[in-house]
Structure formats: C-alpha cells, structure tokens
Amino acid sequence: MIGVTAFVALLSVAAGLQFEQVFLREEPVKIIAHRAGGSLASENSLEGLEVAIEHGCYASEIDIHRTKDGYYVINHDDTFQRLTGVAKAPQDMTLEEIRQLRIKDTTGSGALLPVVTLEEMLDVIKGKEKLFIEMKGATADEQMVDDVVRMVREKGCEEDAVLISLQYKVIDYAETKYPEFETGTLFFAGIGDVTRLNCDLLIMEEEFASDERILQVHNAGKQAIVWTVNHEAGMYRFLDSQVDGVITDEIELAEKVQKRLDERTDLKIMQDKISGIY
C-alpha cells in the first residue's frame, strides 16, 4: 500500500492539469431502471416509471408483447401466470380480456394493478426519461417493430424511445429500416465479434462485461450497457468504469454508491484506479 501511495503521489505531479482527462468520466454512468422502476415499485407499472423519473434515472426498461387483436401490453413473462394466476399468453388474449386481469403488486403491498399498454407508458415518460422498449416473446417480429415505431411517432417520443431485443433479427430489421431510432441487442455470452452486430447499443450481462470488451464496443462506435447490476460490488465496479449505462433493480443502491464515488478525494480516485480496488 505504501508503494502504491508513493507511486500515486508521483503520478499526481506528472498528471498535473490532466487529472480530469486521465481519471474522471465526462458524465456519470447512466442508470436504467429494470422493469420500469426496479424494486421501488411493482414491475412494469406506470408507478414504476414515475418512481424512476423522480429519482432522475436516465431511462426505464420495459417488456412488450402483442395481443391477439394487435395491441401492445407490458409484461415480462411469456404468460400472465406469475403475476395474475392466469396461464395465458398475451398473443392468445384480446386487449379487453387482458384489461380484466389484475397483477399482484411485486413490492408486497397487496395492491392489485391493471396490465398497462405501451401508449400509456409513452404518455408518462415523454420528455422526462428514455424508455428502453424490449420486444419479447413469440410476437417479437418485423410487425412489432413497425407498430412500435408508428406509436412512438404518433406520441412524439422519437427522442425518448430505444428499441431493444434478445432477438437479433428483430433489431437488425429495426436498425436497417429505422436508422434514426436508437437500437440495442441484448445478449448473454456473445460468441465471436459482437461489435459487428447492426445496432447502436450492446447490452451484456455483467459477467461478460470485461474492460477489454467494453473497449471493443466503444472502438466500434457503439454504447456498452450492462445488465442486471443489483449488488454493491457490481455497482462500485461499473459506476467507476467506462460503461455507458447499467440496468438495475436497485436504484437507491446505485445512488448511494455513486454518491460515495463522487465524494472521493483526487488521491483516493487515483489509488482506486491504479490498484483496481473495485
């Protein structure tokens, strides 16, 4: 530790006025609330969006499916079984049928909430935060992309929407046909050169978000997003790294860790960077 401190002292003299360029980010890592509001509100709810906005999150991530009659509703799973007890898929139900369902509040409050639509969520976030719209399940296809783009345009939310999916062919289509929209591919363990994927954001699990991969992503002119970061060690690692954003359920933990990072002295920042403490 003595050696590290001495080295840091010498480096601080050498760095001089270059400290900010060498050791600090131009802006904090973006916080993206998982399933609308993370653990602070019921998943994929309008209340979740409001909470994320109140906390100043850069964006909220949500999950959409197409109904039997062509509407788009918010639900993470392939069916409504977990949250409503009804083991039916969105594509097998009409919007009117889905409107009769009641979701158990995932915060444990006991409240029963309705399934909401993409249009309702766009109304909440417009001009306030971005919405990462994950196109999911059996209905994630070119029609979904076309429909979502149309709805986003009708709501005037072009600057607020990011189209993402685990299904690369869907994102490839979106980026090719609508290059003016931000697009992102989620992946578990990219094999080969993932930077060649046709999209703006590469959204990777934290286990695969090495410094080398992040650098490759940036060198390819894309953004590197990490998901789902919910523990303190991961927060310290990624909020003090070169990633562009983290998706998390733990918004308040992210705020606490960011505050601690911001309160460090210049010497402590250099020590952390050099020793790789996080």
C-alpha atoms as a PDB file:
ATOM      1  CA  MET A   1       0.000   0.000   0.000  1.00  0.00           C
ATOM      2  CA  ILE A   2       2.928   2.319   0.769  1.00  0.00           C
ATOM      3  CA  GLY A   3       4.333   1.630  -2.681  1.00  0.00           C
ATOM      4  CA  VAL A   4       1.005   2.345  -4.322  1.00  0.00           C
ATOM      5  CA  THR A   5       0.647   5.603  -2.385  1.00  0.00           C
ATOM      6  CA  ALA A   6       4.140   6.744  -3.367  1.00  0.00           C
ATOM      7  CA  PHE A   7       3.511   5.895  -6.989  1.00  0.00           C
ATOM      8  CA  VAL A   8       0.212   7.760  -6.924  1.00  0.00           C
ATOM      9  CA  ALA A   9       1.911  10.808  -5.440  1.00  0.00           C
ATOM     10  CA  LEU A  10       4.461  10.863  -8.269  1.00  0.00           C
ATOM     11  CA  LEU A  11       1.771  10.266 -10.841  1.00  0.00           C
ATOM     12  CA  SER A  12      -0.332  13.122  -9.495  1.00  0.00           C
ATOM     13  CA  VAL A  13       2.557  15.509 -10.044  1.00  0.00           C
ATOM     14  CA  ALA A  14       3.106  14.215 -13.559  1.00  0.00           C
ATOM     15  CA  ALA A  15      -0.566  14.331 -14.421  1.00  0.00           C
ATOM     16  CA  GLY A  16      -0.977  17.895 -13.236  1.00  0.00           C
ATOM     17  CA  LEU A  17      -3.844  19.579 -15.019  1.00  0.00           C
ATOM     18  CA  GLN A  18      -4.544  16.372 -16.971  1.00  0.00           C
ATOM     19  CA  PHE A  19      -6.182  14.721 -13.931  1.00  0.00           C
ATOM     20  CA  GLU A  20      -9.742  15.049 -15.191  1.00  0.00           C
ATOM     21  CA  GLN A  21      -8.913  13.668 -18.616  1.00  0.00           C
ATOM     22  CA  VAL A  22      -6.968  10.734 -17.179  1.00  0.00           C
ATOM     23  CA  PHE A  23      -9.081   9.693 -14.199  1.00  0.00           C
ATOM     24  CA  LEU A  24     -12.594  11.138 -14.446  1.00  0.00           C
ATOM     25  CA  ARG A  25     -15.551  10.468 -16.714  1.00  0.00           C
ATOM     26  CA  GLU A  26     -17.132  13.385 -18.520  1.00  0.00           C
ATOM     27  CA  GLU A  27     -20.509  12.353 -17.049  1.00  0.00           C
ATOM     28  CA  PRO A  28     -21.760   9.675 -14.642  1.00  0.00           C
ATOM     29  CA  VAL A  29     -22.752   6.214 -15.839  1.00  0.00           C
ATOM     30  CA  LYS A  30     -26.424   6.240 -16.881  1.00  0.00           C
ATOM     31  CA  ILE A  31     -28.842   4.455 -14.536  1.00  0.00           C
ATOM     32  CA  ILE A  32     -31.607   2.479 -16.269  1.00  0.00           C
ATOM     33  CA  ALA A  33     -34.420   1.156 -14.083  1.00  0.00           C
ATOM     34  CA  HIS A  34     -35.168  -2.525 -14.734  1.00  0.00           C
ATOM     35  CA  ARG A  35     -38.817  -3.375 -15.489  1.00  0.00           C
ATOM     36  CA  ALA A  36     -39.848   0.289 -15.213  1.00  0.00           C
ATOM     37  CA  GLY A  37     -38.945   1.183 -11.619  1.00  0.00           C
ATOM     38  CA  GLY A  38     -36.796  -1.615 -10.270  1.00  0.00           C
ATOM     39  CA  SER A  39     -37.586  -2.765  -6.738  1.00  0.00           C
ATOM     40  CA  LEU A  40     -39.146   0.579  -5.780  1.00  0.00           C
ATOM     41  CA  ALA A  41     -42.469  -0.161  -7.489  1.00  0.00           C
ATOM     42  CA  SER A  42     -44.406  -3.035  -8.980  1.00  0.00           C
ATOM     43  CA  GLU A  43     -42.686  -4.306 -12.111  1.00  0.00           C
ATOM     44  CA  ASN A  44     -43.668  -2.894 -15.498  1.00  0.00           C
ATOM     45  CA  SER A  45     -46.118  -0.431 -13.944  1.00  0.00           C
ATOM     46  CA  LEU A  46     -46.860   3.235 -14.522  1.00  0.00           C
ATOM     47  CA  GLU A  47     -45.964   3.794 -10.865  1.00  0.00           C
ATOM     48  CA  GLY A  48     -42.550   2.337 -11.613  1.00  0.00           C
ATOM     49  CA  LEU A  49     -41.962   4.867 -14.364  1.00  0.00           C
ATOM     50  CA  GLU A  50     -42.940   7.703 -12.031  1.00  0.00           C
ATOM     51  CA  VAL A  51     -40.506   6.471  -9.365  1.00  0.00           C
ATOM     52  CA  ALA A  52     -37.664   6.210 -11.887  1.00  0.00           C
ATOM     53  CA  ILE A  53     -38.365   9.730 -13.088  1.00  0.00           C
ATOM     54  CA  GLU A  54     -38.438  11.050  -9.510  1.00  0.00           C
ATOM     55  CA  HIS A  55     -35.025   9.507  -8.903  1.00  0.00           C
ATOM     56  CA  GLY A  56     -33.607  11.063 -12.044  1.00  0.00           C
ATOM     57  CA  CYS A  57     -32.949   7.804 -13.863  1.00  0.00           C
ATOM     58  CA  TYR A  58     -31.740   8.159 -17.424  1.00  0.00           C
ATOM     59  CA  ALA A  59     -34.230   5.540 -18.611  1.00  0.00           C
ATOM     60  CA  SER A  60     -36.607   2.737 -17.714  1.00  0.00           C
ATOM     61  CA  GLU A  61     -36.554  -0.682 -19.360  1.00  0.00           C
ATOM     62  CA  ILE A  62     -39.890  -2.399 -20.074  1.00  0.00           C
ATOM     63  CA  ASP A  63     -41.121  -5.572 -21.816  1.00  0.00           C
ATOM     64  CA  ILE A  64     -43.815  -5.641 -24.514  1.00  0.00           C
ATOM     65  CA  HIS A  65     -45.950  -8.314 -26.204  1.00  0.00           C
ATOM     66  CA  ARG A  66     -48.615  -8.078 -28.924  1.00  0.00           C
ATOM     67  CA  THR A  67     -52.168  -9.107 -28.079  1.00  0.00           C
ATOM     68  CA  LYS A  68     -54.450 -11.290 -30.174  1.00  0.00           C
ATOM     69  CA  ASP A  69     -56.104  -8.182 -31.608  1.00  0.00           C
ATOM     70  CA  GLY A  70     -52.908  -6.260 -32.313  1.00  0.00           C
ATOM     71  CA  TYR A  71     -52.362  -4.079 -29.232  1.00  0.00           C
ATOM     72  CA  TYR A  72     -49.158  -3.892 -27.178  1.00  0.00           C
ATOM     73  CA  VAL A  73     -49.163  -4.637 -23.470  1.00  0.00           C
ATOM     74  CA  ILE A  74     -46.455  -4.643 -20.841  1.00  0.00           C
ATOM     75  CA  ASN A  75     -45.486  -7.990 -19.283  1.00  0.00           C
ATOM     76  CA  HIS A  76     -42.139  -9.644 -18.687  1.00  0.00           C
ATOM     77  CA  ASP A  77     -43.046 -13.336 -18.890  1.00  0.00           C
ATOM     78  CA  ASP A  78     -44.466 -15.301 -21.812  1.00  0.00           C
ATOM     79  CA  THR A  79     -47.746 -15.697 -19.889  1.00  0.00           C
ATOM     80  CA  PHE A  80     -49.603 -13.867 -17.121  1.00  0.00           C
ATOM     81  CA  GLN A  81     -49.353 -16.846 -14.740  1.00  0.00           C
ATOM     82  CA  ARG A  82     -46.781 -15.471 -12.278  1.00  0.00           C
ATOM     83  CA  LEU A  83     -48.426 -12.122 -11.647  1.00  0.00           C
ATOM     84  CA  THR A  84     -52.112 -12.787 -12.233  1.00  0.00           C
ATOM     85  CA  GLY A  85     -52.569 -16.543 -11.909  1.00  0.00           C
ATOM     86  CA  VAL A  86     -53.860 -16.754 -15.491  1.00  0.00           C
ATOM     87  CA  ALA A  87     -51.697 -19.084 -17.566  1.00  0.00           C
ATOM     88  CA  LYS A  88     -52.445 -17.454 -20.902  1.00  0.00           C
ATOM     89  CA  ALA A  89     -50.058 -15.707 -23.263  1.00  0.00           C
ATOM     90  CA  PRO A  90     -50.700 -12.120 -24.387  1.00  0.00           C
ATOM     91  CA  GLN A  91     -50.993 -13.225 -28.023  1.00  0.00           C
ATOM     92  CA  ASP A  92     -53.861 -15.557 -27.078  1.00  0.00           C
ATOM     93  CA  MET A  93     -55.930 -12.811 -25.435  1.00  0.00           C
ATOM     94  CA  THR A  94     -57.610  -9.626 -26.628  1.00  0.00           C
ATOM     95  CA  LEU A  95     -56.848  -6.312 -25.018  1.00  0.00           C
ATOM     96  CA  GLU A  96     -60.321  -6.287 -23.483  1.00  0.00           C
ATOM     97  CA  GLU A  97     -59.671  -9.666 -21.859  1.00  0.00           C
ATOM     98  CA  ILE A  98     -56.288  -8.543 -20.583  1.00  0.00           C
ATOM     99  CA  ARG A  99     -57.809  -5.383 -19.120  1.00  0.00           C
ATOM    100  CA  GLN A 100     -59.830  -7.633 -16.794  1.00  0.00           C
ATOM    101  CA  LEU A 101     -56.663  -9.103 -15.248  1.00  0.00           C
ATOM    102  CA  ARG A 102     -55.188  -7.787 -12.020  1.00  0.00           C
ATOM    103  CA  ILE A 103     -51.490  -8.007 -11.250  1.00  0.00           C
ATOM    104  CA  LYS A 104     -50.205  -8.666  -7.748  1.00  0.00           C
ATOM    105  CA  ASP A 105     -48.002  -5.752  -6.718  1.00  0.00           C
ATOM    106  CA  THR A 106     -44.456  -7.160  -6.692  1.00  0.00           C
ATOM    107  CA  THR A 107     -43.432  -4.862  -3.820  1.00  0.00           C
ATOM    108  CA  GLY A 108     -45.662  -6.841  -1.465  1.00  0.00           C
ATOM    109  CA  SER A 109     -48.118  -4.032  -0.788  1.00  0.00           C
ATOM    110  CA  GLY A 110     -51.095  -6.236  -1.576  1.00  0.00           C
ATOM    111  CA  ALA A 111     -52.378  -3.832  -4.230  1.00  0.00           C
ATOM    112  CA  LEU A 112     -53.891  -5.176  -7.433  1.00  0.00           C
ATOM    113  CA  LEU A 113     -52.872  -3.330 -10.580  1.00  0.00           C
ATOM    114  CA  PRO A 114     -54.022  -3.407 -14.218  1.00  0.00           C
ATOM    115  CA  VAL A 115     -51.888  -4.514 -17.149  1.00  0.00           C
ATOM    116  CA  VAL A 116     -50.849  -1.335 -18.969  1.00  0.00           C
ATOM    117  CA  THR A 117     -50.201  -0.585 -22.627  1.00  0.00           C
ATOM    118  CA  LEU A 118     -47.189   0.838 -24.405  1.00  0.00           C
ATOM    119  CA  GLU A 119     -49.126   4.004 -25.287  1.00  0.00           C
ATOM    120  CA  GLU A 120     -49.840   4.648 -21.602  1.00  0.00           C
ATOM    121  CA  MET A 121     -46.161   4.321 -20.774  1.00  0.00           C
ATOM    122  CA  LEU A 122     -45.127   6.652 -23.584  1.00  0.00           C
ATOM    123  CA  ASP A 123     -47.519   9.261 -22.183  1.00  0.00           C
ATOM    124  CA  VAL A 124     -45.751   9.072 -18.803  1.00  0.00           C
ATOM    125  CA  ILE A 125     -42.136   9.270 -19.968  1.00  0.00           C
ATOM    126  CA  LYS A 126     -42.454  11.780 -22.819  1.00  0.00           C
ATOM    127  CA  GLY A 127     -39.750  14.408 -22.404  1.00  0.00           C
ATOM    128  CA  LYS A 128     -38.826  13.091 -18.943  1.00  0.00           C
ATOM    129  CA  GLU A 129     -36.721   9.961 -19.440  1.00  0.00           C
ATOM    130  CA  LYS A 130     -35.920   7.430 -22.115  1.00  0.00           C
ATOM    131  CA  LEU A 131     -37.850   4.187 -22.472  1.00  0.00           C
ATOM    132  CA  PHE A 132     -35.908   1.045 -23.376  1.00  0.00           C
ATOM    133  CA  ILE A 133     -38.645  -0.978 -25.112  1.00  0.00           C
ATOM    134  CA  GLU A 134     -37.734  -4.663 -25.077  1.00  0.00           C
ATOM    135  CA  MET A 135     -39.616  -6.546 -27.776  1.00  0.00           C
ATOM    136  CA  LYS A 136     -40.215 -10.021 -26.397  1.00  0.00           C
ATOM    137  CA  GLY A 137     -41.739 -13.426 -26.963  1.00  0.00           C
ATOM    138  CA  ALA A 138     -43.451 -15.059 -29.898  1.00  0.00           C
ATOM    139  CA  THR A 139     -44.747 -11.761 -31.291  1.00  0.00           C
ATOM    140  CA  ALA A 140     -41.353 -10.029 -31.467  1.00  0.00           C
ATOM    141  CA  ASP A 141     -41.157  -9.616 -35.226  1.00  0.00           C
ATOM    142  CA  GLU A 142     -40.988  -7.047 -38.005  1.00  0.00           C
ATOM    143  CA  GLN A 143     -44.642  -6.139 -37.495  1.00  0.00           C
ATOM    144  CA  MET A 144     -43.910  -5.333 -33.863  1.00  0.00           C
ATOM    145  CA  VAL A 145     -41.057  -3.052 -34.901  1.00  0.00           C
ATOM    146  CA  ASP A 146     -43.251  -1.250 -37.441  1.00  0.00           C
ATOM    147  CA  ASP A 147     -46.097  -0.886 -34.953  1.00  0.00           C
ATOM    148  CA  VAL A 148     -43.870   0.380 -32.152  1.00  0.00           C
ATOM    149  CA  VAL A 149     -42.197   2.944 -34.406  1.00  0.00           C
ATOM    150  CA  ARG A 150     -45.617   4.158 -35.534  1.00  0.00           C
ATOM    151  CA  MET A 151     -46.878   4.512 -31.948  1.00  0.00           C
ATOM    152  CA  VAL A 152     -43.707   6.274 -30.811  1.00  0.00           C
ATOM    153  CA  ARG A 153     -44.010   8.739 -33.690  1.00  0.00           C
ATOM    154  CA  GLU A 154     -47.708   9.341 -33.002  1.00  0.00           C
ATOM    155  CA  LYS A 155     -46.826  10.184 -29.386  1.00  0.00           C
ATOM    156  CA  GLY A 156     -43.933  12.426 -30.420  1.00  0.00           C
ATOM    157  CA  CYS A 157     -41.471  10.306 -28.427  1.00  0.00           C
ATOM    158  CA  GLU A 158     -38.857   9.650 -31.101  1.00  0.00           C
ATOM    159  CA  GLU A 159     -36.080  11.047 -28.894  1.00  0.00           C
ATOM    160  CA  ASP A 160     -37.325   9.137 -25.860  1.00  0.00           C
ATOM    161  CA  ALA A 161     -37.504   5.572 -27.225  1.00  0.00           C
ATOM    162  CA  VAL A 162     -34.811   2.915 -27.575  1.00  0.00           C
ATOM    163  CA  LEU A 163     -35.740  -0.345 -29.328  1.00  0.00           C
ATOM    164  CA  ILE A 164     -34.076  -3.416 -27.803  1.00  0.00           C
ATOM    165  CA  SER A 165     -34.461  -7.195 -28.005  1.00  0.00           C
ATOM    166  CA  LEU A 166     -32.752 -10.531 -27.394  1.00  0.00           C
ATOM    167  CA  GLN A 167     -33.795 -11.466 -30.926  1.00  0.00           C
ATOM    168  CA  TYR A 168     -31.092 -10.020 -33.143  1.00  0.00           C
ATOM    169  CA  LYS A 169     -33.025 -10.384 -36.403  1.00  0.00           C
ATOM    170  CA  VAL A 170     -35.652  -8.027 -34.970  1.00  0.00           C
ATOM    171  CA  ILE A 171     -33.046  -5.417 -34.066  1.00  0.00           C
ATOM    172  CA  ASP A 172     -31.226  -5.823 -37.374  1.00  0.00           C
ATOM    173  CA  TYR A 173     -34.517  -5.050 -39.126  1.00  0.00           C
ATOM    174  CA  ALA A 174     -35.209  -2.063 -36.859  1.00  0.00           C
ATOM    175  CA  GLU A 175     -31.747  -0.551 -37.336  1.00  0.00           C
ATOM    176  CA  THR A 176     -31.838  -1.086 -41.099  1.00  0.00           C
ATOM    177  CA  LYS A 177     -35.334   0.296 -41.703  1.00  0.00           C
ATOM    178  CA  TYR A 178     -35.361   2.983 -38.992  1.00  0.00           C
ATOM    179  CA  PRO A 179     -31.728   4.124 -38.529  1.00  0.00           C
ATOM    180  CA  GLU A 180     -32.935   7.328 -36.873  1.00  0.00           C
ATOM    181  CA  PHE A 181     -34.044   5.271 -33.850  1.00  0.00           C
ATOM    182  CA  GLU A 182     -31.623   4.035 -31.196  1.00  0.00           C
ATOM    183  CA  THR A 183     -31.444   0.247 -31.164  1.00  0.00           C
ATOM    184  CA  GLY A 184     -29.831  -2.284 -28.848  1.00  0.00           C
ATOM    185  CA  THR A 185     -29.130  -6.013 -28.788  1.00  0.00           C
ATOM    186  CA  LEU A 186     -29.227  -7.924 -25.505  1.00  0.00           C
ATOM    187  CA  PHE A 187     -27.002 -10.967 -25.246  1.00  0.00           C
ATOM    188  CA  PHE A 188     -25.942 -13.470 -22.629  1.00  0.00           C
ATOM    189  CA  ALA A 189     -22.480 -14.525 -23.799  1.00  0.00           C
ATOM    190  CA  GLY A 190     -21.505 -13.144 -27.190  1.00  0.00           C
ATOM    191  CA  ILE A 191     -19.502 -15.530 -29.334  1.00  0.00           C
ATOM    192  CA  GLY A 192     -17.232 -14.012 -31.929  1.00  0.00           C
ATOM    193  CA  ASP A 193     -17.090 -10.306 -32.690  1.00  0.00           C
ATOM    194  CA  VAL A 194     -20.334  -8.943 -31.234  1.00  0.00           C
ATOM    195  CA  THR A 195     -19.302  -5.418 -32.187  1.00  0.00           C
ATOM    196  CA  ARG A 196     -20.269  -6.235 -35.779  1.00  0.00           C
ATOM    197  CA  LEU A 197     -23.936  -6.516 -34.812  1.00  0.00           C
ATOM    198  CA  ASN A 198     -26.091  -3.939 -36.584  1.00  0.00           C
ATOM    199  CA  CYS A 199     -27.256  -1.762 -33.668  1.00  0.00           C
ATOM    200  CA  ASP A 200     -26.254   1.227 -31.542  1.00  0.00           C
ATOM    201  CA  LEU A 201     -26.089  -0.383 -28.086  1.00  0.00           C
ATOM    202  CA  LEU A 202     -24.663  -3.712 -26.969  1.00  0.00           C
ATOM    203  CA  ILE A 203     -26.392  -4.772 -23.755  1.00  0.00           C
ATOM    204  CA  MET A 204     -24.441  -7.523 -21.982  1.00  0.00           C
ATOM    205  CA  GLU A 205     -24.678  -9.440 -18.732  1.00  0.00           C
ATOM    206  CA  GLU A 206     -22.187  -8.217 -16.155  1.00  0.00           C
ATOM    207  CA  GLU A 207     -20.205 -11.491 -16.192  1.00  0.00           C
ATOM    208  CA  PHE A 208     -19.177 -10.755 -19.766  1.00  0.00           C
ATOM    209  CA  ALA A 209     -18.581  -7.017 -19.427  1.00  0.00           C
ATOM    210  CA  SER A 210     -14.798  -7.072 -19.234  1.00  0.00           C
ATOM    211  CA  ASP A 211     -12.747  -3.903 -19.701  1.00  0.00           C
ATOM    212  CA  GLU A 212     -11.463  -5.369 -22.963  1.00  0.00           C
ATOM    213  CA  ARG A 213     -14.960  -5.993 -24.322  1.00  0.00           C
ATOM    214  CA  ILE A 214     -16.142  -2.530 -23.293  1.00  0.00           C
ATOM    215  CA  LEU A 215     -13.185  -1.014 -25.132  1.00  0.00           C
ATOM    216  CA  GLN A 216     -14.009  -3.090 -28.226  1.00  0.00           C
ATOM    217  CA  VAL A 217     -17.598  -1.870 -28.114  1.00  0.00           C
ATOM    218  CA  HIS A 218     -16.506   1.760 -27.898  1.00  0.00           C
ATOM    219  CA  ASN A 219     -13.922   1.338 -30.647  1.00  0.00           C
ATOM    220  CA  ALA A 220     -16.764   0.107 -32.856  1.00  0.00           C
ATOM    221  CA  GLY A 221     -18.662   3.341 -32.180  1.00  0.00           C
ATOM    222  CA  LYS A 222     -21.329   1.700 -30.020  1.00  0.00           C
ATOM    223  CA  GLN A 223     -22.506   2.088 -26.436  1.00  0.00           C
ATOM    224  CA  ALA A 224     -21.860  -0.580 -23.786  1.00  0.00           C
ATOM    225  CA  ILE A 225     -24.724  -1.255 -21.372  1.00  0.00           C
ATOM    226  CA  VAL A 226     -24.532  -3.805 -18.540  1.00  0.00           C
ATOM    227  CA  TRP A 227     -27.435  -5.772 -17.004  1.00  0.00           C
ATOM    228  CA  THR A 228     -28.678  -6.573 -14.402  1.00  0.00           C
ATOM    229  CA  VAL A 229     -26.388  -4.999 -11.758  1.00  0.00           C
ATOM    230  CA  ASN A 230     -28.049  -5.432  -8.351  1.00  0.00           C
ATOM    231  CA  HIS A 231     -25.226  -5.877  -5.823  1.00  0.00           C
ATOM    232  CA  GLU A 232     -22.838  -3.409  -4.222  1.00  0.00           C
ATOM    233  CA  ALA A 233     -19.604  -4.840  -5.615  1.00  0.00           C
ATOM    234  CA  GLY A 234     -21.009  -4.685  -9.140  1.00  0.00           C
ATOM    235  CA  MET A 235     -22.168  -1.121  -8.587  1.00  0.00           C
ATOM    236  CA  TYR A 236     -18.701   0.005  -7.497  1.00  0.00           C
ATOM    237  CA  ARG A 237     -17.126  -1.792 -10.423  1.00  0.00           C
ATOM    238  CA  PHE A 238     -19.356  -0.488 -13.191  1.00  0.00           C
ATOM    239  CA  LEU A 239     -20.214   3.002 -11.907  1.00  0.00           C
ATOM    240  CA  ASP A 240     -16.459   3.612 -11.778  1.00  0.00           C
ATOM    241  CA  SER A 241     -15.823   2.133 -15.223  1.00  0.00           C
ATOM    242  CA  GLN A 242     -16.158   3.170 -18.848  1.00  0.00           C
ATOM    243  CA  VAL A 243     -19.561   1.530 -19.440  1.00  0.00           C
ATOM    244  CA  ASP A 244     -22.235   3.876 -20.718  1.00  0.00           C
ATOM    245  CA  GLY A 245     -25.070   2.594 -18.547  1.00  0.00           C
ATOM    246  CA  VAL A 246     -26.222  -0.048 -16.090  1.00  0.00           C
ATOM    247  CA  ILE A 247     -29.655  -1.644 -15.897  1.00  0.00           C
ATOM    248  CA  THR A 248     -30.619  -2.283 -12.274  1.00  0.00           C
ATOM    249  CA  ASP A 249     -33.469  -3.111  -9.920  1.00  0.00           C
ATOM    250  CA  GLU A 250     -31.632  -1.340  -7.090  1.00  0.00           C
ATOM    251  CA  ILE A 251     -31.917   2.341  -7.949  1.00  0.00           C
ATOM    252  CA  GLU A 252     -31.263   3.564  -4.405  1.00  0.00           C
ATOM    253  CA  LEU A 253     -28.147   1.385  -4.087  1.00  0.00           C
ATOM    254  CA  ALA A 254     -26.845   2.878  -7.323  1.00  0.00           C
ATOM    255  CA  GLU A 255     -27.460   6.364  -5.941  1.00  0.00           C
ATOM    256  CA  LYS A 256     -25.643   5.528  -2.689  1.00  0.00           C
ATOM    257  CA  VAL A 257     -22.617   4.079  -4.452  1.00  0.00           C
ATOM    258  CA  GLN A 258     -22.458   6.981  -6.915  1.00  0.00           C
ATOM    259  CA  LYS A 259     -22.529   9.430  -4.003  1.00  0.00           C
ATOM    260  CA  ARG A 260     -19.616   7.643  -2.340  1.00  0.00           C
ATOM    261  CA  LEU A 261     -17.667   7.657  -5.591  1.00  0.00           C
ATOM    262  CA  ASP A 262     -18.328  11.369  -6.075  1.00  0.00           C
ATOM    263  CA  GLU A 263     -17.131  12.164  -2.545  1.00  0.00           C
ATOM    264  CA  ARG A 264     -13.656  10.645  -3.052  1.00  0.00           C
ATOM    265  CA  THR A 265     -10.598  12.824  -2.960  1.00  0.00           C
ATOM    266  CA  ASP A 266      -8.415  13.053  -6.066  1.00  0.00           C
ATOM    267  CA  LEU A 267      -5.800  10.916  -4.319  1.00  0.00           C
ATOM    268  CA  LYS A 268      -8.355   8.225  -3.477  1.00  0.00           C
ATOM    269  CA  ILE A 269      -9.616   8.187  -7.062  1.00  0.00           C
ATOM    270  CA  MET A 270      -6.075   7.602  -8.367  1.00  0.00           C
ATOM    271  CA  GLN A 271      -5.445   4.907  -5.775  1.00  0.00           C
ATOM    272  CA  ASP A 272      -8.628   3.099  -6.741  1.00  0.00           C
ATOM    273  CA  LYS A 273      -7.864   3.260 -10.434  1.00  0.00           C
ATOM    274  CA  ILE A 274      -4.301   2.059 -10.089  1.00  0.00           C
ATOM    275  CA  SER A 275      -4.950  -0.705  -7.577  1.00  0.00           C
ATOM    276  CA  GLY A 276      -8.166  -1.832  -9.279  1.00  0.00           C
ATOM    277  CA  ILE A 277      -9.861  -1.933  -5.875  1.00  0.00           C
ATOM    278  CA  TYR A 278     -13.329  -2.153  -7.366  1.00  0.00           C
END
